[in-house]
Protein backbone atom coordinates (compact mmCIF):
# COMPACT_ATOMS: atom_id res chain seq x y z
CA MET A 1 292.16 236.60 175.42
CA GLY A 2 289.30 234.36 175.03
CA ARG A 3 288.31 232.02 172.15
CA GLN A 4 286.50 235.10 169.54
CA PRO A 5 283.36 233.83 167.89
CA GLU A 6 283.27 231.88 164.27
CA GLN A 7 281.74 232.35 161.55
CA SER A 8 278.92 229.70 160.78
CA ILE A 9 278.36 227.91 157.56
CA GLU A 10 275.77 230.22 156.40
CA GLN A 11 277.84 233.56 156.64
CA PHE A 12 280.08 231.28 155.13
CA GLU A 13 278.06 230.96 151.90
CA THR A 14 276.83 234.14 152.58
CA GLY A 15 280.10 236.02 152.60
CA ALA A 16 281.20 233.62 149.43
CA LYS A 17 278.78 234.52 147.19
CA LYS A 18 278.74 238.20 148.44
CA LEU A 19 282.82 238.12 147.39
CA ALA A 20 281.92 236.39 144.14
CA LYS A 21 280.59 240.72 142.88
CA TRP A 22 284.70 241.08 141.79
CA GLY A 23 284.81 237.51 140.59
CA SER A 24 286.48 233.81 141.70
CA LEU A 25 288.89 234.67 144.02
CA LEU A 26 291.72 232.52 145.97
CA ILE A 27 290.61 232.19 149.34
CA SER A 28 293.47 230.95 151.96
CA LEU A 29 291.17 228.98 155.05
CA ALA A 30 294.08 229.56 157.28
CA GLY A 31 294.87 230.04 161.40
CA GLY A 32 295.47 228.81 163.81
CA GLU A 33 294.01 225.51 162.46
CA PRO A 34 291.67 225.35 160.02
CA LEU A 35 290.84 221.37 160.36
CA LEU A 36 290.19 222.13 164.14
CA ARG A 37 286.26 222.49 162.28
CA ASP A 38 285.00 219.76 162.52
CA ASP A 39 282.33 221.77 159.41
CA ILE A 40 285.66 222.37 157.61
CA VAL A 41 284.58 220.04 154.57
CA GLU A 42 280.99 221.74 153.93
CA ILE A 43 282.98 225.36 154.69
CA VAL A 44 285.14 224.35 151.81
CA ARG A 45 281.80 222.99 149.82
CA VAL A 46 279.89 226.45 149.86
CA ILE A 47 283.46 227.99 149.29
CA GLY A 48 284.28 226.17 146.35
CA ARG A 49 280.52 227.27 144.86
CA TRP A 50 282.04 230.47 143.93
CA HIS A 51 286.24 230.72 144.29
CA PHE A 52 289.18 228.73 144.43
CA PRO A 53 289.48 227.52 148.25
CA PHE A 54 292.66 226.70 149.75
CA ILE A 55 293.80 225.49 153.15
CA THR A 56 297.07 225.81 155.09
CA THR A 57 297.55 223.04 157.59
CA ASN A 58 300.45 221.81 159.88
CA GLY A 59 298.81 218.55 158.79
CA TYR A 60 298.32 216.55 162.57
CA LEU A 61 294.56 216.34 161.89
CA THR A 62 294.39 214.45 158.96
CA ASN A 63 293.60 211.48 157.62
CA GLU A 64 292.24 209.48 154.78
CA LYS A 65 288.65 210.48 154.58
CA LEU A 66 289.38 213.88 155.02
CA ALA A 67 291.29 214.16 152.79
CA TYR A 68 289.63 212.51 150.29
CA ASP A 69 286.33 214.89 151.43
CA LEU A 70 288.09 217.93 150.75
CA PHE A 71 289.14 217.28 147.44
CA SER A 72 285.57 215.93 146.91
CA ALA A 73 284.01 219.00 148.20
CA GLY A 74 286.29 221.59 145.58
CA LEU A 75 289.19 222.06 147.67
CA TRP A 76 291.42 223.76 145.19
CA GLY A 77 295.18 223.32 147.09
CA VAL A 78 296.57 222.75 150.44
CA SER A 79 299.83 223.58 151.65
CA ILE A 80 301.54 221.15 154.82
CA SER A 81 304.08 223.19 157.08
CA ILE A 82 307.02 221.38 157.16
CA ASP A 83 310.01 223.89 158.17
CA TYR A 84 313.15 220.96 158.82
CA ALA A 85 313.46 217.70 157.15
CA ASP A 86 314.95 216.65 160.05
CA ALA A 87 312.13 214.91 162.40
CA VAL A 88 314.23 215.86 165.88
CA ARG A 89 314.15 219.55 165.02
CA HIS A 90 310.69 219.81 163.48
CA ASP A 91 308.85 218.73 166.21
CA ARG A 92 311.02 220.08 168.50
CA ALA A 93 310.36 223.76 166.87
CA ARG A 94 306.70 223.04 167.06
CA GLY A 95 306.85 221.04 170.77
CA VAL A 96 304.64 217.91 169.22
CA ARG A 97 305.97 214.77 169.29
CA GLY A 98 305.53 213.15 166.16
CA ALA A 99 305.03 216.71 164.55
CA TYR A 100 306.75 215.61 161.64
CA ASP A 101 305.63 212.37 160.87
CA ARG A 102 302.09 213.67 161.26
CA ALA A 103 303.17 216.54 158.43
CA VAL A 104 304.54 213.71 155.93
CA GLU A 105 301.92 211.71 156.06
CA ALA A 106 299.57 214.66 155.50
CA LEU A 107 301.77 215.33 152.50
CA LYS A 108 301.34 211.54 151.46
CA LEU A 109 297.13 211.27 151.89
CA PHE A 110 296.67 214.67 150.29
CA SER A 111 298.66 213.38 147.24
CA ARG A 112 296.80 210.60 147.07
CA ALA A 113 293.36 212.14 147.26
CA ARG A 114 293.48 214.37 144.54
CA LYS A 115 290.50 213.64 142.17
CA TYR A 116 292.11 216.58 139.56
CA ASP A 117 295.01 217.23 138.21
CA TRP A 118 294.99 220.91 139.08
CA GLN A 119 294.24 219.98 142.40
CA ARG A 120 297.14 221.34 144.19
CA VAL A 121 299.90 219.68 147.23
CA ASN A 122 302.40 221.72 148.57
CA LEU A 123 304.65 221.81 151.26
CA MET A 124 305.37 224.88 152.71
CA CYS A 125 308.60 226.00 154.48
CA VAL A 126 309.32 228.96 156.62
CA LEU A 127 312.83 230.71 155.96
CA LEU A 128 313.86 230.74 159.61
CA ASP A 129 317.84 231.26 160.57
CA ASP A 130 318.83 227.96 160.55
CA ASN A 131 317.19 225.96 158.32
CA LEU A 132 318.74 227.21 154.78
CA ASP A 133 320.31 223.86 154.88
CA GLN A 134 317.48 221.90 154.88
CA VAL A 135 315.36 223.31 152.32
CA GLU A 136 317.35 220.92 149.60
CA SER A 137 316.11 217.82 151.41
CA LEU A 138 312.70 219.56 152.02
CA ILE A 139 311.96 220.20 148.29
CA GLN A 140 313.26 215.94 147.79
CA LEU A 141 310.57 214.87 150.02
CA ALA A 142 308.07 217.09 148.46
CA ALA A 143 308.68 215.79 144.59
CA ARG A 144 308.64 211.94 146.73
CA TYR A 145 304.83 212.20 147.40
CA ASP A 146 304.29 214.57 143.65
CA ALA A 147 303.77 217.57 145.77
CA TYR A 148 305.35 221.32 144.60
CA PHE A 149 307.63 222.65 147.42
CA MET A 150 307.27 226.64 148.38
CA ILE A 151 309.04 229.03 150.90
CA GLN A 152 308.51 232.55 152.37
CA PRO A 153 310.70 233.82 154.96
CA TYR A 154 309.47 234.44 158.61
CA SER A 155 308.49 237.70 159.34
CA SER A 156 309.33 239.98 163.03
CA GLU A 157 305.76 241.01 162.68
CA LYS A 158 304.51 237.40 164.34
CA THR A 159 306.57 237.62 167.39
CA GLY A 160 308.06 241.14 167.66
CA SER A 161 311.44 239.06 167.47
CA THR A 162 314.10 239.03 164.42
CA LYS A 163 315.90 236.40 166.24
CA PHE A 164 314.85 233.90 163.61
CA TYR A 165 316.05 235.44 160.03
CA PRO A 166 318.39 233.48 158.54
CA ASP A 167 322.51 234.61 159.40
CA GLY A 168 323.45 235.19 155.77
CA LYS A 169 321.43 237.98 154.73
CA ASN A 170 323.40 238.17 151.40
CA GLY A 171 322.68 234.93 148.90
CA VAL A 172 319.53 233.59 150.09
CA SER A 173 318.55 234.43 146.92
CA GLU A 174 320.43 232.96 144.40
CA HIS A 175 320.52 230.00 146.58
CA LEU A 176 317.17 229.66 146.44
CA MET A 177 316.79 230.20 142.89
CA GLU A 178 319.48 227.80 141.92
CA LEU A 179 317.44 225.34 143.82
CA ARG A 180 314.39 226.52 141.81
CA ARG A 181 316.29 226.41 138.36
CA ARG A 182 317.32 222.39 139.01
CA TYR A 183 314.07 221.11 140.75
CA ALA A 184 310.96 221.42 138.71
CA ASN A 185 308.67 221.02 142.02
CA PHE A 186 310.17 224.04 143.32
CA LEU A 187 306.90 226.67 143.04
CA SER A 188 307.68 229.84 144.60
CA ASN A 189 307.58 232.21 141.57
CA PRO A 190 311.46 233.39 141.11
CA LEU A 191 311.00 236.85 141.08
CA PHE A 192 309.46 236.40 144.60
CA LEU A 193 313.40 234.69 145.35
CA SER A 194 314.95 237.58 143.70
CA ASN A 195 313.59 239.61 146.35
CA PHE A 196 314.88 237.78 149.69
CA ASP A 197 318.39 238.80 150.06
CA GLN A 198 316.35 242.82 149.79
CA TYR A 199 313.82 241.74 152.14
CA LEU A 200 315.99 240.56 154.98
CA ASN A 201 318.21 243.70 154.27
CA GLY A 202 315.44 246.12 154.55
CA GLY A 203 312.38 245.10 153.51
CA VAL A 204 310.30 245.15 150.29
CA PRO A 205 309.04 248.80 148.93
CA GLY A 206 305.39 248.57 147.42
CA CYS A 207 302.72 246.65 149.47
CA ALA A 208 299.72 245.96 147.66
CA ALA A 209 297.91 244.90 150.81
CA GLY A 210 294.36 245.99 150.24
CA LYS A 211 294.71 246.41 146.52
CA ALA A 212 295.49 242.82 145.67
CA PHE A 213 294.99 241.12 149.11
CA PHE A 214 293.39 241.37 152.34
CA ASN A 215 292.44 239.34 155.32
CA ILE A 216 288.75 238.22 156.59
CA ASP A 217 288.94 237.17 160.47
CA SER A 218 286.74 234.67 162.38
CA THR A 219 283.85 237.74 162.95
CA GLY A 220 283.60 239.03 159.24
CA ASP A 221 286.43 241.80 159.62
CA ILE A 222 287.94 242.54 156.73
CA ALA A 223 291.73 244.11 157.07
CA ILE A 224 294.64 245.19 154.18
CA CYS A 225 296.40 242.38 155.84
CA VAL A 226 296.31 239.34 158.13
CA GLU A 227 298.60 241.47 160.05
CA GLN A 228 296.31 244.14 161.12
CA ARG A 229 293.68 241.95 161.17
CA ASP A 230 293.44 244.35 164.74
CA ARG A 231 292.56 247.68 162.88
CA PRO A 232 289.88 246.25 160.66
CA VAL A 233 288.40 248.75 158.10
CA ALA A 234 285.08 246.75 156.77
CA ASN A 235 283.16 244.21 157.72
CA LEU A 236 281.93 241.56 155.19
CA TYR A 237 278.65 241.15 156.40
CA GLN A 238 277.51 244.56 157.40
CA ASP A 239 279.24 246.52 154.42
CA ASN A 240 278.52 246.73 150.56
CA MET A 241 280.93 245.94 148.60
CA SER A 242 281.70 249.30 147.13
CA LEU A 243 282.06 250.63 150.61
CA ILE A 244 284.42 247.35 150.99
CA ASN A 245 286.61 247.99 147.95
CA LYS A 246 286.67 252.15 148.91
CA LYS A 247 287.50 251.14 152.45
CA LEU A 248 290.28 248.60 151.50
CA ARG A 249 291.65 251.29 148.90
CA ASP A 250 292.23 253.77 151.71
CA GLY A 251 293.18 251.65 153.26
CA GLY A 252 295.85 250.63 151.08
CA ARG A 253 296.99 254.16 150.11
CA GLY A 254 300.26 255.34 151.44
CA ASN A 255 301.28 251.88 153.45
CA LYS A 256 304.75 251.95 153.07
CA CYS A 257 305.11 248.89 155.74
CA ARG A 258 308.03 246.61 154.80
CA ASN A 259 307.99 244.36 158.06
CA CYS A 260 307.02 241.17 155.87
CA TRP A 261 307.37 239.71 152.52
CA TYR A 262 304.80 236.78 152.81
CA ASN A 263 304.09 234.03 150.34
CA CYS A 264 300.23 235.68 150.36
CA ARG A 265 302.14 239.01 148.83
CA GLY A 266 305.06 238.82 147.28
CA GLU A 267 303.61 235.72 145.15
CA VAL A 268 300.66 238.15 144.18
CA GLU A 269 302.33 240.95 143.76
CA SER A 270 305.33 238.85 141.41
CA LEU A 271 301.89 238.69 139.03
CA TYR A 272 301.63 242.30 138.46
CA HIS A 273 305.25 242.01 137.08
CA ILE A 274 305.28 241.13 133.23
CA LYS A 275 308.43 239.38 134.22
CA GLY A 276 306.79 237.35 137.41
CA LEU A 277 304.10 237.38 135.47
CA TRP A 278 305.57 235.60 132.37
CA GLN A 279 307.80 232.84 134.87
CA SER A 280 304.46 231.36 136.29
CA LEU A 281 302.90 230.95 133.60
CA PRO A 282 305.30 226.91 132.50
CA THR A 283 303.74 225.82 135.82
CA LEU A 284 301.01 223.95 134.26
CA LEU A 285 303.83 222.19 131.82
CA PHE A 286 306.07 220.75 135.12
CA ASP A 287 306.22 217.41 135.98
CA LYS A 288 305.95 218.18 139.55
CA GLY A 289 306.57 214.84 140.84
CA GLN A 290 310.04 214.27 139.12
CA PRO A 291 313.15 216.57 140.41
CA GLU A 292 315.19 217.61 137.72
CA LYS A 293 319.09 215.70 138.04
């Protein structure tokens, strides 16, 4: 496929203002790699007027000025993707020499660049078939740079392959929840973590795609989730918000998909449960920089 068109700054501003009719939203800017956009600071600025912009990045293109400018522009938070605490393994998985060092440097630069205490820096790990033993070291790495740690399981939706699922499909949840009890900077919601085993053994029912979250692609096409972006139900620039709301709800009705337990799904759905919401409240009180002994 050739390169797809991308939204202009003017379109980002128009779209953000339009979405604000639903209130202030958490807007996740992901890719691909969002830092490839030369105007990413201005994108964050226009979205931040109405919403909470969040970036997920591999960190490779981060520099001190960019990190500072993004937070100054109103960036609510950033996740740096690191899947292995071992530099050689991370570089091999990413296919780029030095990827690990650049990611850790990004973690450091973003942590230093925060202007306000509420601005988040996360280390985001994807749970694979060979990195469960790396999780504790990654939590400690995040704490070293005053950052949170979050995790989500691999989904075959990305590649169609199931070979990256953890071999031990039972006990994953308890292991992760035990680590969360021990480390104050482990941010992932306990209710979300408690469902990892279920996801790995057939999936979690009740997907709220189209109701609690949705995806907007580079052309403004809206789908009920990122993995259905080839089946858009509306367009941000062509349709009014009432129609978009109806199309999203219609698209999500009867959804029986169990193919993912992504952070964007599981974390959001956890907040729709009293227990999950309650367990998220202490986050503001955590000393995220120091793991508990």
